[in-house]
Protein backbone atom coordinates (compact mmCIF):
# COMPACT_ATOMS: atom_id res chain seq x y z
CA UNK A 1 119.82 76.69 51.29
CA UNK A 2 117.89 74.27 53.45
CA UNK A 3 118.77 73.89 57.08
CA UNK A 4 116.86 70.74 57.40
CA UNK A 5 116.80 67.44 55.34
CA UNK A 6 116.50 64.97 58.12
CA UNK A 7 113.71 63.24 60.01
CA UNK A 8 112.13 65.13 62.87
CA UNK A 9 113.90 65.16 66.17
CA UNK A 10 113.63 61.81 67.96
CA UNK A 11 112.26 63.23 71.05
CA UNK A 12 109.29 64.52 68.95
CA UNK A 13 108.51 61.21 67.30
CA UNK A 14 109.05 58.94 70.27
CA UNK A 15 105.46 58.17 70.65
CA UNK A 16 103.50 57.03 67.53
CA UNK A 17 100.09 58.19 67.12
CA UNK A 18 98.00 56.97 64.43
CA UNK A 19 94.44 57.64 63.12
CA UNK A 20 92.50 54.61 61.84
CA UNK A 21 89.33 54.38 59.83
CA UNK A 22 87.42 51.93 57.83
CA UNK A 23 86.42 52.23 54.11
CA UNK A 24 82.72 51.03 53.60
CA UNK A 25 81.52 49.90 50.11
CA UNK A 26 77.57 49.97 50.03
CA UNK A 27 75.33 47.78 48.06
CA UNK A 28 74.37 48.24 44.37
CA UNK A 29 70.99 49.55 45.30
CA UNK A 30 70.41 52.83 47.12
CA UNK A 31 68.25 51.28 49.85
CA UNK A 32 70.64 48.44 50.48
CA UNK A 33 72.51 49.35 53.64
CA UNK A 34 74.80 46.34 53.81
CA UNK A 35 78.34 47.32 53.96
CA UNK A 36 81.84 45.58 53.45
CA UNK A 37 84.79 46.63 55.44
CA UNK A 38 87.47 46.86 52.92
CA UNK A 39 90.71 47.46 54.84
CA UNK A 40 91.94 49.56 57.83
CA UNK A 41 93.48 52.72 57.03
CA UNK A 42 96.21 54.20 59.36
CA UNK A 43 97.59 57.66 58.89
CA UNK A 44 100.11 59.16 61.17
CA UNK A 45 99.30 62.53 62.05
CA UNK A 46 102.83 64.00 62.18
CA UNK A 47 105.28 64.68 59.38
CA UNK A 48 108.10 62.03 58.64
CA UNK A 49 110.24 64.80 57.29
CA UNK A 50 110.54 68.51 57.83
CA UNK A 51 112.80 70.85 55.72
CA UNK A 52 113.74 74.13 57.30
CA UNK A 53 113.58 77.03 54.88
CA UNK A 54 113.51 80.46 56.36
CA UNK A 55 112.82 82.31 53.09
CA UNK A 56 109.37 80.98 52.78
CA UNK A 57 106.75 83.84 52.78
CA UNK A 58 103.26 84.02 53.99
CA UNK A 59 101.61 85.08 50.84
CA UNK A 60 98.17 84.11 50.24
CA UNK A 61 98.36 85.23 46.56
CA UNK A 62 100.88 82.77 45.46
CA UNK A 63 101.02 79.16 44.55
CA UNK A 64 104.59 78.05 44.95
CA UNK A 65 105.01 74.29 45.38
CA UNK A 66 104.63 71.46 42.73
CA UNK A 67 105.57 67.76 42.24
CA UNK A 68 106.98 66.75 38.89
CA UNK A 69 106.05 63.61 37.07
CA UNK A 70 107.94 60.38 38.10
CA UNK A 71 110.28 58.34 36.07
CA UNK A 72 111.52 54.84 36.34
CA UNK A 73 114.42 55.88 38.41
CA UNK A 74 112.76 58.77 40.26
CA UNK A 75 109.60 59.74 42.23
CA UNK A 76 109.80 63.07 40.72
CA UNK A 77 111.09 66.46 42.16
CA UNK A 78 109.42 68.81 44.42
CA UNK A 79 109.89 72.39 43.23
CA UNK A 80 109.42 75.01 45.93
CA UNK A 81 109.72 78.65 45.25
CA UNK A 82 110.86 81.41 47.98
CA UNK A 83 111.54 85.07 47.30
CA UNK A 84 113.51 84.99 43.97
CA UNK A 85 114.57 81.44 43.76
CA UNK A 86 113.23 77.88 43.08
CA UNK A 87 114.72 74.92 44.89
CA UNK A 88 114.40 71.23 43.95
CA UNK A 89 114.08 68.34 46.32
CA UNK A 90 114.36 64.59 45.46
CA UNK A 91 112.56 62.79 48.30
CA UNK A 92 113.92 59.29 47.69
CA UNK A 93 117.46 60.47 47.62
CA UNK A 94 116.80 63.18 50.30
CA UNK A 95 118.90 65.67 47.92
CA UNK A 96 117.98 69.35 47.43
CA UNK A 97 119.55 72.05 45.47
CA UNK A 98 118.75 75.60 44.76
CA UNK A 99 119.50 76.22 40.98
CA UNK A 100 117.02 78.76 39.47
CA UNK A 101 117.34 82.47 40.59
CA UNK A 102 115.12 85.29 39.05
CA UNK A 103 115.54 88.98 39.51
CA UNK A 104 111.93 89.34 40.78
CA UNK A 105 110.08 87.45 43.48
CA UNK A 106 108.60 84.18 42.20
CA UNK A 107 104.92 83.92 43.08
CA UNK A 108 103.61 80.82 41.00
CA UNK A 109 105.13 77.62 39.70
CA UNK A 110 104.03 74.64 37.77
CA UNK A 111 105.83 71.57 36.16
CA UNK A 112 104.80 70.68 32.63
CA UNK A 113 102.70 67.47 32.81
CA UNK A 114 104.58 64.30 32.23
CA UNK A 115 107.91 66.13 32.56
CA UNK A 116 110.89 66.51 34.97
CA UNK A 117 112.63 69.13 32.77
CA UNK A 118 110.35 72.03 31.88
CA UNK A 119 108.91 74.34 34.60
CA UNK A 120 106.65 77.38 34.20
CA UNK A 121 106.80 80.23 36.79
CA UNK A 122 105.50 83.59 37.16
CA UNK A 123 106.63 86.79 39.21
CA UNK A 124 105.11 89.44 41.36
CA UNK A 125 105.89 92.09 38.64
CA UNK A 126 103.89 90.16 35.92
CA UNK A 127 106.76 88.33 34.28
CA UNK A 128 105.92 84.61 33.07
CA UNK A 129 108.82 82.39 32.10
CA UNK A 130 109.01 78.87 30.60
CA UNK A 131 112.35 77.27 31.75
CA UNK A 132 113.87 74.08 30.29
CA UNK A 133 116.09 72.47 32.88
CA UNK A 134 118.99 70.07 32.74
CA UNK A 135 121.11 68.51 35.38
CA UNK A 136 124.88 68.88 35.68
CA UNK A 137 127.36 68.42 38.58
CA UNK A 138 126.37 71.55 40.36
CA UNK A 139 122.73 70.58 40.55
CA UNK A 140 119.85 72.07 38.61
CA UNK A 141 120.68 74.66 35.89
CA UNK A 142 118.52 76.40 33.34
CA UNK A 143 118.61 76.96 29.61
CA UNK A 144 116.14 78.07 26.84
CA UNK A 145 114.33 80.62 28.82
CA UNK A 146 111.07 82.13 27.30
CA UNK A 147 109.54 85.22 28.83
CA UNK A 148 106.12 86.86 28.58
CA UNK A 149 105.07 90.15 30.46
CA UNK A 150 101.77 90.84 31.98
CA UNK A 151 100.38 93.98 33.90
CA UNK A 152 100.06 92.44 37.25
CA UNK A 153 101.52 89.59 39.42
CA UNK A 154 101.02 86.01 38.27
CA UNK A 155 99.43 84.20 40.95
CA UNK A 156 98.38 80.67 39.60
CA UNK A 157 99.47 78.58 36.62
CA UNK A 158 97.76 75.47 35.21
CA UNK A 159 98.74 73.32 32.23
CA UNK A 160 96.31 71.86 29.71
CA UNK A 161 97.97 68.81 28.19
CA UNK A 162 101.78 69.48 27.74
CA UNK A 163 101.48 72.58 25.40
CA UNK A 164 98.86 74.97 26.70
CA UNK A 165 99.13 77.03 29.82
CA UNK A 166 96.64 79.05 31.84
CA UNK A 167 97.74 81.75 34.12
CA UNK A 168 96.25 84.44 36.25
CA UNK A 169 97.39 87.96 36.34
CA UNK A 170 95.24 90.45 38.34
CA UNK A 171 91.34 89.81 37.67
CA UNK A 172 92.21 88.14 34.20
CA UNK A 173 93.03 84.74 32.80
CA UNK A 174 95.44 84.34 29.98
CA UNK A 175 95.76 81.39 27.53
CA UNK A 176 99.07 80.52 25.99
CA UNK A 177 100.16 77.97 23.35
CA UNK A 178 103.68 77.30 24.26
CA UNK A 179 104.53 76.14 20.75
CA UNK A 180 104.07 79.43 19.29
CA UNK A 181 106.81 81.89 18.96
CA UNK A 182 106.66 84.51 22.05
CA UNK A 183 105.31 87.45 19.83
CA UNK A 184 102.68 85.09 18.38
CA UNK A 185 101.19 83.83 21.69
CA UNK A 186 97.50 84.47 22.25
CA UNK A 187 97.34 87.14 25.24
CA UNK A 188 93.83 88.16 25.06
CA UNK A 189 92.57 88.18 28.70
CA UNK A 190 89.35 86.47 29.76
CA UNK A 191 87.38 88.47 32.24
CA UNK A 192 84.92 87.42 34.68
CA UNK A 193 86.08 88.63 37.99
CA UNK A 194 86.33 92.04 39.64
CA UNK A 195 89.29 91.26 41.96
CA UNK A 196 92.51 89.19 42.18
CA UNK A 197 92.23 85.64 40.78
CA UNK A 198 93.68 83.36 43.50
CA UNK A 199 93.32 79.80 41.79
CA UNK A 200 92.95 77.97 38.56
CA UNK A 201 92.17 74.34 37.79
CA UNK A 202 91.40 72.15 34.81
CA UNK A 203 88.88 69.50 34.81
CA UNK A 204 89.46 65.80 34.12
CA UNK A 205 89.00 66.01 30.39
CA UNK A 206 90.50 69.55 30.06
CA UNK A 207 87.57 71.13 28.43
CA UNK A 208 86.42 73.20 31.41
CA UNK A 209 88.55 75.25 33.86
CA UNK A 210 87.48 77.02 37.16
CA UNK A 211 88.76 80.22 38.71
CA UNK A 212 88.61 81.26 42.26
CA UNK A 213 88.72 85.04 43.12
CA UNK A 214 89.29 87.47 45.88
CA UNK A 215 85.79 88.69 44.90
CA UNK A 216 84.27 85.57 46.65
CA UNK A 217 83.32 84.19 43.22
CA UNK A 218 84.02 81.00 41.29
CA UNK A 219 83.84 81.10 37.44
CA UNK A 220 83.52 78.03 35.32
CA UNK A 221 84.77 78.41 31.77
CA UNK A 222 84.47 76.27 28.68
CA UNK A 223 87.53 76.61 26.68
CA UNK A 224 85.67 75.88 23.42
CA UNK A 225 83.58 79.09 24.20
CA UNK A 226 85.82 81.25 26.33
CA UNK A 227 84.22 84.65 25.69
CA UNK A 228 82.35 84.63 28.89
CA UNK A 229 82.11 82.18 32.00
CA UNK A 230 79.88 79.09 31.52
CA UNK A 231 78.79 79.58 35.10
CA UNK A 232 79.44 82.14 38.08
CA UNK A 233 79.05 80.50 41.43
CA UNK A 234 78.42 83.03 44.23
CA UNK A 235 77.71 81.43 47.55
CA UNK A 236 81.03 81.85 49.16
CA UNK A 237 81.56 84.74 51.60
CA UNK A 238 85.40 85.02 51.42
CA UNK A 239 88.08 84.84 48.66
CA UNK A 240 88.30 81.38 46.92
CA UNK A 241 91.78 79.94 46.53
CA UNK A 242 91.17 76.35 46.90
CA UNK A 243 89.81 74.47 43.73
CA UNK A 244 89.64 70.88 42.91
CA UNK A 245 87.79 68.81 40.18
CA UNK A 246 86.68 65.23 40.67
CA UNK A 247 88.99 62.88 39.00
CA UNK A 248 85.79 60.73 38.28
CA UNK A 249 83.16 63.07 37.18
CA UNK A 250 84.10 65.87 34.84
CA UNK A 251 81.36 68.13 35.98
CA UNK A 252 81.96 67.92 39.55
CA UNK A 253 83.74 70.60 41.32
CA UNK A 254 84.84 71.54 44.85
CA UNK A 255 85.79 74.90 46.18
CA UNK A 256 86.83 76.28 49.48
CA UNK A 257 87.13 79.66 50.87
CA UNK A 258 88.92 81.80 53.53
CA UNK A 259 88.39 83.06 57.13
CA UNK A 260 85.08 84.74 56.63
CA UNK A 261 83.60 81.51 55.13
CA UNK A 262 85.66 78.50 56.12
CA UNK A 263 83.46 76.04 54.06
CA UNK A 264 83.95 73.47 51.43
CA UNK A 265 81.20 73.39 48.67
CA UNK A 266 80.46 70.75 46.04
CA UNK A 267 78.87 71.75 42.67
CA UNK A 268 77.57 70.03 39.51
CA UNK A 269 78.50 72.77 37.02
CA UNK A 270 76.03 71.48 34.49
CA UNK A 271 73.19 71.68 37.11
CA UNK A 272 72.78 75.27 37.86
CA UNK A 273 74.50 77.70 40.35
CA UNK A 274 73.38 76.11 43.66
CA UNK A 275 75.95 74.05 45.43
CA UNK A 276 74.95 70.34 46.16
CA UNK A 277 76.53 70.24 49.56
CA UNK A 278 78.41 72.53 52.04
CA UNK A 279 80.93 71.23 54.78
CA UNK A 280 81.69 73.78 57.47
CA UNK A 281 85.31 73.36 58.58
CA UNK A 282 85.81 76.02 61.34
CA UNK A 283 89.09 77.12 59.71
CA UNK A 284 90.36 79.07 56.80
CA UNK A 285 91.06 76.83 53.68
CA UNK A 286 94.16 77.68 51.92
CA UNK A 287 94.66 74.81 49.33
CA UNK A 288 92.81 71.69 48.33
CA UNK A 289 93.77 68.48 46.47
CA UNK A 290 91.65 65.49 45.37
CA UNK A 291 93.43 62.16 45.85
CA UNK A 292 92.64 58.75 44.53
CA UNK A 293 94.75 57.02 47.24
CA UNK A 294 91.96 54.43 48.18
CA UNK A 295 91.36 50.71 47.44
CA UNK A 296 87.73 51.20 46.34
CA UNK A 297 86.19 52.64 43.25
CA UNK A 298 83.33 54.10 45.47
CA UNK A 299 85.55 56.13 47.48
CA UNK A 300 88.17 58.88 47.09
CA UNK A 301 89.90 61.39 49.51
CA UNK A 302 89.88 65.30 49.74
CA UNK A 303 92.94 66.92 51.38
CA UNK A 304 92.55 70.34 52.52
CA UNK A 305 95.26 72.83 54.05
CA UNK A 306 94.03 75.22 56.81
CA UNK A 307 95.07 78.47 58.28
CA UNK A 308 93.27 80.49 61.19
CA UNK A 309 92.62 79.05 63.57
CA UNK A 310 93.59 75.38 63.31
CA UNK A 311 96.71 75.58 60.87
CA UNK A 312 96.48 71.92 60.07
CA UNK A 313 95.89 69.46 57.03
CA UNK A 314 92.73 67.37 56.99
CA UNK A 315 91.72 64.26 54.97
CA UNK A 316 88.11 63.90 54.08
CA UNK A 317 86.37 60.76 52.85
CA UNK A 318 84.40 61.30 49.60
CA UNK A 319 81.84 58.75 48.62
CA UNK A 320 80.76 58.36 44.95
CA UNK A 321 76.95 58.66 44.90
CA UNK A 322 74.14 59.36 42.47
CA UNK A 323 73.96 61.11 39.14
CA UNK A 324 72.07 63.99 40.73
CA UNK A 325 74.62 64.31 43.60
CA UNK A 326 77.81 62.53 42.29
CA UNK A 327 79.72 62.81 45.65
CA UNK A 328 79.22 63.31 49.34
CA UNK A 329 81.84 64.62 51.67
CA UNK A 330 81.57 63.22 55.14
CA UNK A 331 81.05 66.06 57.61
CA UNK A 332 84.13 65.22 59.65
CA UNK A 333 87.72 64.68 58.58
CA UNK A 334 88.92 61.08 58.66
CA UNK A 335 92.42 62.23 59.73
CA UNK A 336 93.99 65.45 60.78
CA UNK A 337 97.71 66.11 60.01
CA UNK A 338 99.71 68.38 62.30
CA UNK A 339 103.10 70.31 62.11
CA UNK A 340 103.64 70.26 65.93
CA UNK A 341 104.27 73.88 65.99
CA UNK A 342 100.75 74.56 64.83
CA UNK A 343 101.08 78.24 64.98
CA UNK A 344 101.36 79.12 61.27
CA UNK A 345 98.93 78.28 58.47
CA UNK A 346 99.60 75.46 55.84
CA UNK A 347 99.50 77.73 52.82
CA UNK A 348 100.40 75.35 49.98
CA UNK A 349 99.78 71.72 49.27
CA UNK A 350 101.14 69.27 46.66
CA UNK A 351 100.57 65.41 46.21
CA UNK A 352 103.29 62.97 45.04
CA UNK A 353 102.49 61.33 41.73
CA UNK A 354 101.64 58.05 43.48
CA UNK A 355 99.34 60.06 45.84
CA UNK A 356 101.03 58.30 49.01
CA UNK A 357 102.78 61.57 50.21
CA UNK A 358 101.50 65.04 50.69
CA UNK A 359 103.89 68.05 51.01
CA UNK A 360 102.81 71.32 52.71
CA UNK A 361 104.38 74.61 52.91
CA UNK A 362 104.16 76.89 56.04
CA UNK A 363 105.86 80.27 56.07
CA UNK A 364 108.72 80.55 58.63
CA UNK A 365 108.35 77.01 59.52
CA UNK A 366 109.37 75.02 56.44
CA UNK A 367 108.14 72.23 54.17
CA UNK A 368 106.44 69.39 55.75
CA UNK A 369 105.90 65.77 54.32
CA UNK A 370 103.31 63.36 55.61
CA UNK A 371 102.79 59.76 54.44
CA UNK A 372 98.87 59.21 53.67
């Protein structure tokens, strides 16, 4: 189904352009302004691989790419949904196959953690499926399908450990224990939004999760007391689809919003409902991932995918700071990744398990892979 599968045309890649920057490690004391240059970081702004896939749709209310857990012999599989099918791509082998077809349009998918064989996906008609996969000579084939039905489309899915699933349907969140029989699953909705929920994400220790909605709100929930949100964050001026928790601090959350807002905000969810920092990006933010692909415990990276008007992917340096303000995002991106066409938004992002490759999906253009 892919028309691509090879590197970008030689004419496009003739000139290598790289963005370089230094990581700085500050002294142990706050007033110590000495610094040590750790290493030079070079990131090519252009993708090393593009897969043409004309079925990809420009649907803001979907989350349709995910990278599976690696194994000793594999870097994992990239699963991408388009219309009513899911295709699987193995980057190290440059192999792809489309082996899972549904009767309805697929709007969300997520691999089970630490698995290359189980994938959860939802549809625009409210169907939720848990699919066990196995490989045969024809590629990926399905077996042992489980199904649940909800009133509205499933927009996002997030796993808690390897058994529990959160999914958004309409303005509600549902919590499922996949070990239970279908008829026994807990389907009581958690309600905190008044409009479509666009994104869900668990924090580091999987006790808290955040939801972003088309009502411009971010709700933070404690799974131990889920009857109402722990906090409702109301500073954004557009729908919130991009959510990322810190891999270091369990209470540190980043959120980003759409065209009428264009900002990244940092929150300490235990410190009230006022954001700690706001970074204006000048462009719609469609997706966000927090990466630890850095050679310093004091730095991490935030990767954002953008729509109108820049249609690019940006890497931001994040400095671990004080207890009161655990992280600080630098006001300008360290690197900007481009598709060359640059006329369609990058709607979805996924990081490789080793955090050295980022994959971005752009409707009508295809799937792009950058080394970071």
